[in-house]
Amino acid sequence: MKWGSVVLAALFEIVWVTGLKHADTAIEWIGTAFGVAASFYLLVKAGEKLPVGTVYAVFTGLGTAGTVLCEIILFHEPADIVKLALIGVLLCGVIGLKLVTQEEKGEGA
């Protein structure tokens, strides 16, 4: 569940980063602000139980890859093989960090 919070925080990051570029109405800006708040709340909560450096790296990596893919799929940004390959490398790094990170054992863990 701890890593699930990081993934959910990254999904909210995709929402608010995309909202910063595409929001035009008050409701869209409110959704963007909610995305910021939810994203950082979940990130802070995950950082209480997991190593902060790894949590932040996974969060930003997933958020970056997700934002680029969202722009390609939803907003028809150009996608070339180099961009997609670099997203793949980024995701391999994120997965690798998660796999080698030792979770803290303690109260509430």
PDB file of N, CA and C in Angstrom:
ATOM      1  N   MET A   1       0.821  -1.200   0.000  1.00  0.00           N
ATOM      2  CA  MET A   1       0.000   0.000   0.000  1.00  0.00           C
ATOM      3  C   MET A   1       0.861   1.259   0.000  1.00  0.00           C
ATOM      4  N   LYS A   2       2.052   1.182   0.639  1.00  0.00           N
ATOM      5  CA  LYS A   2       2.924   2.355   0.679  1.00  0.00           C
ATOM      6  C   LYS A   2       3.354   2.755  -0.728  1.00  0.00           C
ATOM      7  N   TRP A   3       3.753   1.766  -1.532  1.00  0.00           N
ATOM      8  CA  TRP A   3       4.149   2.074  -2.900  1.00  0.00           C
ATOM      9  C   TRP A   3       2.943   2.456  -3.738  1.00  0.00           C
ATOM     10  N   GLY A   4       1.777   1.953  -3.388  1.00  0.00           N
ATOM     11  CA  GLY A   4       0.550   2.358  -4.075  1.00  0.00           C
ATOM     12  C   GLY A   4       0.293   3.843  -3.916  1.00  0.00           C
ATOM     13  N   SER A   5       0.634   4.385  -2.744  1.00  0.00           N
ATOM     14  CA  SER A   5       0.490   5.828  -2.520  1.00  0.00           C
ATOM     15  C   SER A   5       1.406   6.620  -3.439  1.00  0.00           C
ATOM     16  N   VAL A   6       2.593   6.101  -3.686  1.00  0.00           N
ATOM     17  CA  VAL A   6       3.533   6.788  -4.579  1.00  0.00           C
ATOM     18  C   VAL A   6       2.984   6.782  -6.009  1.00  0.00           C
ATOM     19  N   VAL A   7       2.464   5.643  -6.446  1.00  0.00           N
ATOM     20  CA  VAL A   7       1.896   5.547  -7.793  1.00  0.00           C
ATOM     21  C   VAL A   7       0.689   6.470  -7.925  1.00  0.00           C
ATOM     22  N   LEU A   8      -0.174   6.488  -6.917  1.00  0.00           N
ATOM     23  CA  LEU A   8      -1.343   7.371  -6.947  1.00  0.00           C
ATOM     24  C   LEU A   8      -0.906   8.841  -6.942  1.00  0.00           C
ATOM     25  N   ALA A   9       0.110   9.168  -6.161  1.00  0.00           N
ATOM     26  CA  ALA A   9       0.641  10.533  -6.151  1.00  0.00           C
ATOM     27  C   ALA A   9       1.151  10.911  -7.534  1.00  0.00           C
ATOM     28  N   ALA A  10       1.805   9.981  -8.221  1.00  0.00           N
ATOM     29  CA  ALA A  10       2.303  10.239  -9.573  1.00  0.00           C
ATOM     30  C   ALA A  10       1.154  10.457 -10.552  1.00  0.00           C
ATOM     31  N   LEU A  11       0.065   9.703 -10.383  1.00  0.00           N
ATOM     32  CA  LEU A  11      -1.102   9.911 -11.243  1.00  0.00           C
ATOM     33  C   LEU A  11      -1.686  11.308 -11.037  1.00  0.00           C
ATOM     34  N   PHE A  12      -1.759  11.743  -9.781  1.00  0.00           N
ATOM     35  CA  PHE A  12      -2.229  13.105  -9.526  1.00  0.00           C
ATOM     36  C   PHE A  12      -1.247  14.135 -10.079  1.00  0.00           C
ATOM     37  N   GLU A  13       0.046  13.812 -10.073  1.00  0.00           N
ATOM     38  CA  GLU A  13       1.031  14.723 -10.663  1.00  0.00           C
ATOM     39  C   GLU A  13       0.767  14.890 -12.156  1.00  0.00           C
ATOM     40  N   ILE A  14       0.457  13.807 -12.836  1.00  0.00           N
ATOM     41  CA  ILE A  14       0.135  13.881 -14.261  1.00  0.00           C
ATOM     42  C   ILE A  14      -1.055  14.806 -14.478  1.00  0.00           C
ATOM     43  N   VAL A  15      -2.059  14.685 -13.612  1.00  0.00           N
ATOM     44  CA  VAL A  15      -3.257  15.533 -13.709  1.00  0.00           C
ATOM     45  C   VAL A  15      -2.884  17.005 -13.567  1.00  0.00           C
ATOM     46  N   TRP A  16      -2.116  17.336 -12.518  1.00  0.00           N
ATOM     47  CA  TRP A  16      -1.870  18.765 -12.303  1.00  0.00           C
ATOM     48  C   TRP A  16      -0.866  19.349 -13.280  1.00  0.00           C
ATOM     49  N   VAL A  17       0.117  18.581 -13.708  1.00  0.00           N
ATOM     50  CA  VAL A  17       1.061  19.110 -14.693  1.00  0.00           C
ATOM     51  C   VAL A  17       0.347  19.343 -16.017  1.00  0.00           C
ATOM     52  N   THR A  18      -0.489  18.405 -16.416  1.00  0.00           N
ATOM     53  CA  THR A  18      -1.276  18.582 -17.637  1.00  0.00           C
ATOM     54  C   THR A  18      -2.234  19.754 -17.476  1.00  0.00           C
ATOM     55  N   GLY A  19      -2.817  19.890 -16.289  1.00  0.00           N
ATOM     56  CA  GLY A  19      -3.720  21.006 -16.022  1.00  0.00           C
ATOM     57  C   GLY A  19      -3.035  22.353 -16.128  1.00  0.00           C
ATOM     58  N   LEU A  20      -1.774  22.426 -15.713  1.00  0.00           N
ATOM     59  CA  LEU A  20      -1.052  23.704 -15.823  1.00  0.00           C
ATOM     60  C   LEU A  20      -0.957  24.170 -17.271  1.00  0.00           C
ATOM     61  N   LYS A  21      -0.858  23.231 -18.179  1.00  0.00           N
ATOM     62  CA  LYS A  21      -0.731  23.588 -19.590  1.00  0.00           C
ATOM     63  C   LYS A  21      -2.084  23.811 -20.259  1.00  0.00           C
ATOM     64  N   HIS A  22      -3.087  23.010 -19.887  1.00  0.00           N
ATOM     65  CA  HIS A  22      -4.332  22.981 -20.653  1.00  0.00           C
ATOM     66  C   HIS A  22      -5.560  23.566 -19.948  1.00  0.00           C
ATOM     67  N   ALA A  23      -5.462  23.923 -18.676  1.00  0.00           N
ATOM     68  CA  ALA A  23      -6.645  24.420 -17.963  1.00  0.00           C
ATOM     69  C   ALA A  23      -7.036  25.806 -18.489  1.00  0.00           C
ATOM     70  N   ASP A  24      -8.317  25.963 -18.787  1.00  0.00           N
ATOM     71  CA  ASP A  24      -8.839  27.236 -19.278  1.00  0.00           C
ATOM     72  C   ASP A  24      -9.987  27.770 -18.424  1.00  0.00           C
ATOM     73  N   THR A  25     -10.721  26.879 -17.788  1.00  0.00           N
ATOM     74  CA  THR A  25     -11.891  27.305 -17.018  1.00  0.00           C
ATOM     75  C   THR A  25     -11.594  27.222 -15.518  1.00  0.00           C
ATOM     76  N   ALA A  26     -12.444  27.838 -14.736  1.00  0.00           N
ATOM     77  CA  ALA A  26     -12.271  27.820 -13.280  1.00  0.00           C
ATOM     78  C   ALA A  26     -12.328  26.390 -12.747  1.00  0.00           C
ATOM     79  N   ILE A  27     -13.219  25.593 -13.270  1.00  0.00           N
ATOM     80  CA  ILE A  27     -13.357  24.208 -12.792  1.00  0.00           C
ATOM     81  C   ILE A  27     -12.087  23.416 -13.115  1.00  0.00           C
ATOM     82  N   GLU A  28     -11.495  23.644 -14.283  1.00  0.00           N
ATOM     83  CA  GLU A  28     -10.250  22.960 -14.629  1.00  0.00           C
ATOM     84  C   GLU A  28      -9.109  23.403 -13.713  1.00  0.00           C
ATOM     85  N   TRP A  29      -9.071  24.683 -13.359  1.00  0.00           N
ATOM     86  CA  TRP A  29      -8.043  25.182 -12.442  1.00  0.00           C
ATOM     87  C   TRP A  29      -8.244  24.631 -11.034  1.00  0.00           C
ATOM     88  N   ILE A  30      -9.498  24.472 -10.631  1.00  0.00           N
ATOM     89  CA  ILE A  30      -9.781  23.863  -9.327  1.00  0.00           C
ATOM     90  C   ILE A  30      -9.316  22.406  -9.331  1.00  0.00           C
ATOM     91  N   GLY A  31      -9.578  21.690 -10.414  1.00  0.00           N
ATOM     92  CA  GLY A  31      -9.097  20.307 -10.553  1.00  0.00           C
ATOM     93  C   GLY A  31      -7.578  20.234 -10.516  1.00  0.00           C
ATOM     94  N   THR A  32      -6.922  21.203 -11.138  1.00  0.00           N
ATOM     95  CA  THR A  32      -5.461  21.264 -11.120  1.00  0.00           C
ATOM     96  C   THR A  32      -4.953  21.482  -9.695  1.00  0.00           C
ATOM     97  N   ALA A  33      -5.581  22.413  -8.972  1.00  0.00           N
ATOM     98  CA  ALA A  33      -5.182  22.683  -7.585  1.00  0.00           C
ATOM     99  C   ALA A  33      -5.417  21.453  -6.706  1.00  0.00           C
ATOM    100  N   PHE A  34      -6.527  20.762  -6.929  1.00  0.00           N
ATOM    101  CA  PHE A  34      -6.790  19.533  -6.184  1.00  0.00           C
ATOM    102  C   PHE A  34      -5.712  18.495  -6.484  1.00  0.00           C
ATOM    103  N   GLY A  35      -5.312  18.389  -7.750  1.00  0.00           N
ATOM    104  CA  GLY A  35      -4.260  17.459  -8.138  1.00  0.00           C
ATOM    105  C   GLY A  35      -2.952  17.747  -7.427  1.00  0.00           C
ATOM    106  N   VAL A  36      -2.590  19.031  -7.306  1.00  0.00           N
ATOM    107  CA  VAL A  36      -1.373  19.423  -6.592  1.00  0.00           C
ATOM    108  C   VAL A  36      -1.455  18.982  -5.133  1.00  0.00           C
ATOM    109  N   ALA A  37      -2.569  19.326  -4.485  1.00  0.00           N
ATOM    110  CA  ALA A  37      -2.736  19.011  -3.061  1.00  0.00           C
ATOM    111  C   ALA A  37      -2.717  17.500  -2.821  1.00  0.00           C
ATOM    112  N   ALA A  38      -3.470  16.760  -3.623  1.00  0.00           N
ATOM    113  CA  ALA A  38      -3.532  15.305  -3.451  1.00  0.00           C
ATOM    114  C   ALA A  38      -2.177  14.664  -3.721  1.00  0.00           C
ATOM    115  N   SER A  39      -1.506  15.130  -4.758  1.00  0.00           N
ATOM    116  CA  SER A  39      -0.209  14.577  -5.124  1.00  0.00           C
ATOM    117  C   SER A  39       0.807  14.732  -4.000  1.00  0.00           C
ATOM    118  N   PHE A  40       0.923  15.940  -3.472  1.00  0.00           N
ATOM    119  CA  PHE A  40       1.923  16.165  -2.434  1.00  0.00           C
ATOM    120  C   PHE A  40       1.528  15.557  -1.097  1.00  0.00           C
ATOM    121  N   TYR A  41       0.241  15.482  -0.807  1.00  0.00           N
ATOM    122  CA  TYR A  41      -0.197  14.815   0.418  1.00  0.00           C
ATOM    123  C   TYR A  41       0.217  13.344   0.386  1.00  0.00           C
ATOM    124  N   LEU A  42      -0.085  12.674  -0.722  1.00  0.00           N
ATOM    125  CA  LEU A  42       0.261  11.257  -0.845  1.00  0.00           C
ATOM    126  C   LEU A  42       1.772  11.052  -0.859  1.00  0.00           C
ATOM    127  N   LEU A  43       2.503  11.975  -1.468  1.00  0.00           N
ATOM    128  CA  LEU A  43       3.960  11.886  -1.500  1.00  0.00           C
ATOM    129  C   LEU A  43       4.543  12.003  -0.097  1.00  0.00           C
ATOM    130  N   VAL A  44       4.055  12.940   0.683  1.00  0.00           N
ATOM    131  CA  VAL A  44       4.541  13.120   2.051  1.00  0.00           C
ATOM    132  C   VAL A  44       4.208  11.897   2.899  1.00  0.00           C
ATOM    133  N   LYS A  45       3.008  11.383   2.765  1.00  0.00           N
ATOM    134  CA  LYS A  45       2.611  10.192   3.529  1.00  0.00           C
ATOM    135  C   LYS A  45       3.495   8.987   3.179  1.00  0.00           C
ATOM    136  N   ALA A  46       3.792   8.805   1.901  1.00  0.00           N
ATOM    137  CA  ALA A  46       4.659   7.699   1.500  1.00  0.00           C
ATOM    138  C   ALA A  46       6.072   7.900   2.037  1.00  0.00           C
ATOM    139  N   GLY A  47       6.529   9.147   2.072  1.00  0.00           N
ATOM    140  CA  GLY A  47       7.869   9.451   2.571  1.00  0.00           C
ATOM    141  C   GLY A  47       8.032   9.203   4.055  1.00  0.00           C
ATOM    142  N   GLU A  48       6.940   9.120   4.783  1.00  0.00           N
ATOM    143  CA  GLU A  48       7.010   8.813   6.218  1.00  0.00           C
ATOM    144  C   GLU A  48       7.384   7.345   6.452  1.00  0.00           C
ATOM    145  N   LYS A  49       7.080   6.472   5.503  1.00  0.00           N
ATOM    146  CA  LYS A  49       7.298   5.032   5.674  1.00  0.00           C
ATOM    147  C   LYS A  49       8.404   4.467   4.787  1.00  0.00           C
ATOM    148  N   LEU A  50       8.730   5.174   3.714  1.00  0.00           N
ATOM    149  CA  LEU A  50       9.705   4.688   2.744  1.00  0.00           C
ATOM    150  C   LEU A  50      10.864   5.676   2.637  1.00  0.00           C
ATOM    151  N   PRO A  51      12.009   5.264   2.103  1.00  0.00           N
ATOM    152  CA  PRO A  51      13.138   6.178   1.921  1.00  0.00           C
ATOM    153  C   PRO A  51      12.757   7.345   0.997  1.00  0.00           C
ATOM    154  N   VAL A  52      12.940   8.550   1.483  1.00  0.00           N
ATOM    155  CA  VAL A  52      12.461   9.737   0.784  1.00  0.00           C
ATOM    156  C   VAL A  52      13.100   9.887  -0.601  1.00  0.00           C
ATOM    157  N   GLY A  53      14.388   9.639  -0.709  1.00  0.00           N
ATOM    158  CA  GLY A  53      15.057   9.791  -1.996  1.00  0.00           C
ATOM    159  C   GLY A  53      14.483   8.874  -3.057  1.00  0.00           C
ATOM    160  N   THR A  54      14.253   7.630  -2.691  1.00  0.00           N
ATOM    161  CA  THR A  54      13.692   6.673  -3.630  1.00  0.00           C
ATOM    162  C   THR A  54      12.243   7.023  -3.957  1.00  0.00           C
ATOM    163  N   VAL A  55      11.481   7.412  -2.945  1.00  0.00           N
ATOM    164  CA  VAL A  55      10.085   7.805  -3.165  1.00  0.00           C
ATOM    165  C   VAL A  55      10.021   8.958  -4.152  1.00  0.00           C
ATOM    166  N   TYR A  56      10.861   9.956  -3.969  1.00  0.00           N
ATOM    167  CA  TYR A  56      10.827  11.122  -4.846  1.00  0.00           C
ATOM    168  C   TYR A  56      11.270  10.755  -6.260  1.00  0.00           C
ATOM    169  N   ALA A  57      12.287   9.914  -6.384  1.00  0.00           N
ATOM    170  CA  ALA A  57      12.747   9.491  -7.706  1.00  0.00           C
ATOM    171  C   ALA A  57      11.664   8.709  -8.449  1.00  0.00           C
ATOM    172  N   VAL A  58      11.001   7.796  -7.758  1.00  0.00           N
ATOM    173  CA  VAL A  58       9.925   7.023  -8.370  1.00  0.00           C
ATOM    174  C   VAL A  58       8.765   7.939  -8.742  1.00  0.00           C
ATOM    175  N   PHE A  59       8.402   8.827  -7.845  1.00  0.00           N
ATOM    176  CA  PHE A  59       7.315   9.786  -8.065  1.00  0.00           C
ATOM    177  C   PHE A  59       7.577  10.640  -9.305  1.00  0.00           C
ATOM    178  N   THR A  60       8.752  11.248  -9.379  1.00  0.00           N
ATOM    179  CA  THR A  60       9.044  12.124 -10.522  1.00  0.00           C
ATOM    180  C   THR A  60       9.210  11.335 -11.815  1.00  0.00           C
ATOM    181  N   GLY A  61       9.799  10.139 -11.724  1.00  0.00           N
ATOM    182  CA  GLY A  61       9.959   9.323 -12.917  1.00  0.00           C
ATOM    183  C   GLY A  61       8.625   8.891 -13.502  1.00  0.00           C
ATOM    184  N   LEU A  62       7.745   8.377 -12.643  1.00  0.00           N
ATOM    185  CA  LEU A  62       6.417   7.972 -13.116  1.00  0.00           C
ATOM    186  C   LEU A  62       5.612   9.169 -13.604  1.00  0.00           C
ATOM    187  N   GLY A  63       5.708  10.274 -12.885  1.00  0.00           N
ATOM    188  CA  GLY A  63       4.989  11.481 -13.290  1.00  0.00           C
ATOM    189  C   GLY A  63       5.472  12.014 -14.621  1.00  0.00           C
ATOM    190  N   THR A  64       6.787  12.014 -14.827  1.00  0.00           N
ATOM    191  CA  THR A  64       7.349  12.489 -16.085  1.00  0.00           C
ATOM    192  C   THR A  64       6.938  11.594 -17.241  1.00  0.00           C
ATOM    193  N   ALA A  65       7.116  10.293 -17.072  1.00  0.00           N
ATOM    194  CA  ALA A  65       6.740   9.355 -18.134  1.00  0.00           C
ATOM    195  C   ALA A  65       5.245   9.441 -18.426  1.00  0.00           C
ATOM    196  N   GLY A  66       4.444   9.506 -17.390  1.00  0.00           N
ATOM    197  CA  GLY A  66       2.997   9.594 -17.562  1.00  0.00           C
ATOM    198  C   GLY A  66       2.560  10.872 -18.246  1.00  0.00           C
ATOM    199  N   THR A  67       3.205  11.977 -17.898  1.00  0.00           N
ATOM    200  CA  THR A  67       2.857  13.250 -18.515  1.00  0.00           C
ATOM    201  C   THR A  67       3.200  13.246 -20.003  1.00  0.00           C
ATOM    202  N   VAL A  68       4.368  12.735 -20.349  1.00  0.00           N
ATOM    203  CA  VAL A  68       4.762  12.665 -21.764  1.00  0.00           C
ATOM    204  C   VAL A  68       3.792  11.767 -22.534  1.00  0.00           C
ATOM    205  N   LEU A  69       3.471  10.605 -21.973  1.00  0.00           N
ATOM    206  CA  LEU A  69       2.539   9.696 -22.642  1.00  0.00           C
ATOM    207  C   LEU A  69       1.140  10.300 -22.758  1.00  0.00           C
ATOM    208  N   CYS A  70       0.707  11.013 -21.732  1.00  0.00           N
ATOM    209  CA  CYS A  70      -0.587  11.689 -21.756  1.00  0.00           C
ATOM    210  C   CYS A  70      -0.632  12.734 -22.871  1.00  0.00           C
ATOM    211  N   GLU A  71       0.433  13.498 -23.004  1.00  0.00           N
ATOM    212  CA  GLU A  71       0.507  14.505 -24.064  1.00  0.00           C
ATOM    213  C   GLU A  71       0.465  13.846 -25.444  1.00  0.00           C
ATOM    214  N   ILE A  72       1.138  12.718 -25.595  1.00  0.00           N
ATOM    215  CA  ILE A  72       1.153  12.020 -26.881  1.00  0.00           C
ATOM    216  C   ILE A  72      -0.229  11.452 -27.200  1.00  0.00           C
ATOM    217  N   ILE A  73      -0.843  10.795 -26.215  1.00  0.00           N
ATOM    218  CA  ILE A  73      -2.112  10.098 -26.448  1.00  0.00           C
ATOM    219  C   ILE A  73      -3.296  11.059 -26.525  1.00  0.00           C
ATOM    220  N   LEU A  74      -3.394  11.971 -25.567  1.00  0.00           N
ATOM    221  CA  LEU A  74      -4.576  12.834 -25.491  1.00  0.00           C
ATOM    222  C   LEU A  74      -4.476  14.121 -26.295  1.00  0.00           C
ATOM    223  N   PHE A  75      -3.268  14.640 -26.445  1.00  0.00           N
ATOM    224  CA  PHE A  75      -3.120  15.952 -27.080  1.00  0.00           C
ATOM    225  C   PHE A  75      -2.300  15.904 -28.360  1.00  0.00           C
ATOM    226  N   HIS A  76      -2.044  14.693 -28.854  1.00  0.00           N
ATOM    227  CA  HIS A  76      -1.421  14.470 -30.154  1.00  0.00           C
ATOM    228  C   HIS A  76      -0.070  15.158 -30.333  1.00  0.00           C
ATOM    229  N   GLU A  77       0.711  15.163 -29.254  1.00  0.00           N
ATOM    230  CA  GLU A  77       2.093  15.638 -29.359  1.00  0.00           C
ATOM    231  C   GLU A  77       2.867  14.635 -30.211  1.00  0.00           C
ATOM    232  N   PRO A  78       3.886  15.103 -30.915  1.00  0.00           N
ATOM    233  CA  PRO A  78       4.651  14.155 -31.732  1.00  0.00           C
ATOM    234  C   PRO A  78       5.364  13.108 -30.874  1.00  0.00           C
ATOM    235  N   ALA A  79       5.328  11.880 -31.339  1.00  0.00           N
ATOM    236  CA  ALA A  79       6.014  10.782 -30.645  1.00  0.00           C
ATOM    237  C   ALA A  79       7.003  10.167 -31.617  1.00  0.00           C
ATOM    238  N   ASP A  80       8.264  10.177 -31.238  1.00  0.00           N
ATOM    239  CA  ASP A  80       9.247   9.505 -32.077  1.00  0.00           C
ATOM    240  C   ASP A  80       9.893   8.381 -31.277  1.00  0.00           C
ATOM    241  N   ILE A  81      10.624   7.554 -31.974  1.00  0.00           N
ATOM    242  CA  ILE A  81      11.195   6.361 -31.356  1.00  0.00           C
ATOM    243  C   ILE A  81      12.180   6.715 -30.245  1.00  0.00           C
ATOM    244  N   VAL A  82      12.920   7.789 -30.401  1.00  0.00           N
ATOM    245  CA  VAL A  82      13.890   8.182 -29.380  1.00  0.00           C
ATOM    246  C   VAL A  82      13.169   8.591 -28.096  1.00  0.00           C
ATOM    247  N   LYS A  83      12.106   9.374 -28.221  1.00  0.00           N
ATOM    248  CA  LYS A  83      11.331   9.799 -27.052  1.00  0.00           C
ATOM    249  C   LYS A  83      10.753   8.595 -26.313  1.00  0.00           C
ATOM    250  N   LEU A  84      10.176   7.665 -27.055  1.00  0.00           N
ATOM    251  CA  LEU A  84       9.592   6.476 -26.441  1.00  0.00           C
ATOM    252  C   LEU A  84      10.663   5.577 -25.817  1.00  0.00           C
ATOM    253  N   ALA A  85      11.811   5.478 -26.465  1.00  0.00           N
ATOM    254  CA  ALA A  85      12.907   4.676 -25.905  1.00  0.00           C
ATOM    255  C   ALA A  85      13.415   5.293 -24.601  1.00  0.00           C
ATOM    256  N   LEU A  86      13.518   6.597 -24.561  1.00  0.00           N
ATOM    257  CA  LEU A  86      13.979   7.262 -23.334  1.00  0.00           C
ATOM    258  C   LEU A  86      12.968   7.113 -22.197  1.00  0.00           C
ATOM    259  N   ILE A  87      11.687   7.131 -22.506  1.00  0.00           N
ATOM    260  CA  ILE A  87      10.668   6.866 -21.490  1.00  0.00           C
ATOM    261  C   ILE A  87      10.845   5.444 -20.965  1.00  0.00           C
ATOM    262  N   GLY A  88      11.130   4.501 -21.846  1.00  0.00           N
ATOM    263  CA  GLY A  88      11.381   3.120 -21.427  1.00  0.00           C
ATOM    264  C   GLY A  88      12.582   3.010 -20.497  1.00  0.00           C
ATOM    265  N   VAL A  89      13.656   3.720 -20.829  1.00  0.00           N
ATOM    266  CA  VAL A  89      14.845   3.724 -19.964  1.00  0.00           C
ATOM    267  C   VAL A  89      14.506   4.325 -18.607  1.00  0.00           C
ATOM    268  N   LEU A  90      13.752   5.416 -18.621  1.00  0.00           N
ATOM    269  CA  LEU A  90      13.335   6.060 -17.366  1.00  0.00           C
ATOM    270  C   LEU A  90      12.523   5.096 -16.504  1.00  0.00           C
ATOM    271  N   LEU A  91      11.577   4.413 -17.106  1.00  0.00           N
ATOM    272  CA  LEU A  91      10.749   3.470 -16.349  1.00  0.00           C
ATOM    273  C   LEU A  91      11.572   2.288 -15.836  1.00  0.00           C
ATOM    274  N   CYS A  92      12.555   1.841 -16.607  1.00  0.00           N
ATOM    275  CA  CYS A  92      13.448   0.769 -16.116  1.00  0.00           C
ATOM    276  C   CYS A  92      14.204   1.237 -14.876  1.00  0.00           C
ATOM    277  N   GLY A  93      14.663   2.478 -14.892  1.00  0.00           N
ATOM    278  CA  GLY A  93      15.359   3.027 -13.729  1.00  0.00           C
ATOM    279  C   GLY A  93      14.452   3.122 -12.518  1.00  0.00           C
ATOM    280  N   VAL A  94      13.227   3.555 -12.718  1.00  0.00           N
ATOM    281  CA  VAL A  94      12.257   3.668 -11.624  1.00  0.00           C
ATOM    282  C   VAL A  94      11.955   2.291 -11.039  1.00  0.00           C
ATOM    283  N   ILE A  95      11.720   1.316 -11.893  1.00  0.00           N
ATOM    284  CA  ILE A  95      11.438  -0.039 -11.425  1.00  0.00           C
ATOM    285  C   ILE A  95      12.655  -0.601 -10.694  1.00  0.00           C
ATOM    286  N   GLY A  96      13.841  -0.367 -11.244  1.00  0.00           N
ATOM    287  CA  GLY A  96      15.064  -0.829 -10.598  1.00  0.00           C
ATOM    288  C   GLY A  96      15.253  -0.233  -9.215  1.00  0.00           C
ATOM    289  N   LEU A  97      14.999   1.067  -9.073  1.00  0.00           N
ATOM    290  CA  LEU A  97      15.107   1.708  -7.756  1.00  0.00           C
ATOM    291  C   LEU A  97      14.139   1.089  -6.763  1.00  0.00           C
ATOM    292  N   LYS A  98      12.927   0.836  -7.205  1.00  0.00           N
ATOM    293  CA  LYS A  98      11.927   0.251  -6.317  1.00  0.00           C
ATOM    294  C   LYS A  98      12.353  -1.146  -5.884  1.00  0.00           C
ATOM    295  N   LEU A  99      12.915  -1.910  -6.808  1.00  0.00           N
ATOM    296  CA  LEU A  99      13.300  -3.291  -6.500  1.00  0.00           C
ATOM    297  C   LEU A  99      14.477  -3.392  -5.537  1.00  0.00           C
ATOM    298  N   VAL A 100      15.398  -2.429  -5.586  1.00  0.00           N
ATOM    299  CA  VAL A 100      16.573  -2.514  -4.721  1.00  0.00           C
ATOM    300  C   VAL A 100      16.420  -1.752  -3.417  1.00  0.00           C
ATOM    301  N   THR A 101      15.303  -1.066  -3.227  1.00  0.00           N
ATOM    302  CA  THR A 101      15.087  -0.282  -2.019  1.00  0.00           C
ATOM    303  C   THR A 101      14.554  -1.175  -0.901  1.00  0.00           C
ATOM    304  N   GLN A 102      15.207  -1.109   0.231  1.00  0.00           N
ATOM    305  CA  GLN A 102      14.773  -1.840   1.424  1.00  0.00           C
ATOM    306  C   GLN A 102      13.734  -0.996   2.151  1.00  0.00           C
ATOM    307  N   GLU A 103      12.583  -1.586   2.425  1.00  0.00           N
ATOM    308  CA  GLU A 103      11.565  -0.888   3.203  1.00  0.00           C
ATOM    309  C   GLU A 103      11.947  -0.967   4.674  1.00  0.00           C
ATOM    310  N   GLU A 104      11.655   0.136   5.389  1.00  0.00           N
ATOM    311  CA  GLU A 104      11.954   0.170   6.820  1.00  0.00           C
ATOM    312  C   GLU A 104      10.983  -0.726   7.579  1.00  0.00           C
ATOM    313  N   LYS A 105      11.508  -1.483   8.501  1.00  0.00           N
ATOM    314  CA  LYS A 105      10.669  -2.310   9.369  1.00  0.00           C
ATOM    315  C   LYS A 105      10.595  -1.613  10.728  1.00  0.00           C
ATOM    316  N   GLY A 106       9.397  -1.391  11.169  1.00  0.00           N
ATOM    317  CA  GLY A 106       9.236  -0.703  12.447  1.00  0.00           C
ATOM    318  C   GLY A 106       7.774  -0.581  12.788  1.00  0.00           C
ATOM    319  N   GLU A 107       7.463   0.367  13.663  1.00  0.00           N
ATOM    320  CA  GLU A 107       6.087   0.571  14.072  1.00  0.00           C
ATOM    321  C   GLU A 107       5.232   0.958  12.888  1.00  0.00           C
ATOM    322  N   GLY A 108       4.104   0.314  12.741  1.00  0.00           N
ATOM    323  CA  GLY A 108       3.156   0.622  11.694  1.00  0.00           C
ATOM    324  C   GLY A 108       3.582   0.151  10.316  1.00  0.00           C
ATOM    325  N   ALA A 109       4.735  -0.484  10.204  1.00  0.00           N
ATOM    326  CA  ALA A 109       5.209  -0.896   8.882  1.00  0.00           C
ATOM    327  C   ALA A 109       4.661  -2.244   8.498  1.00  0.00           C
TER     328      ALA A 109
END
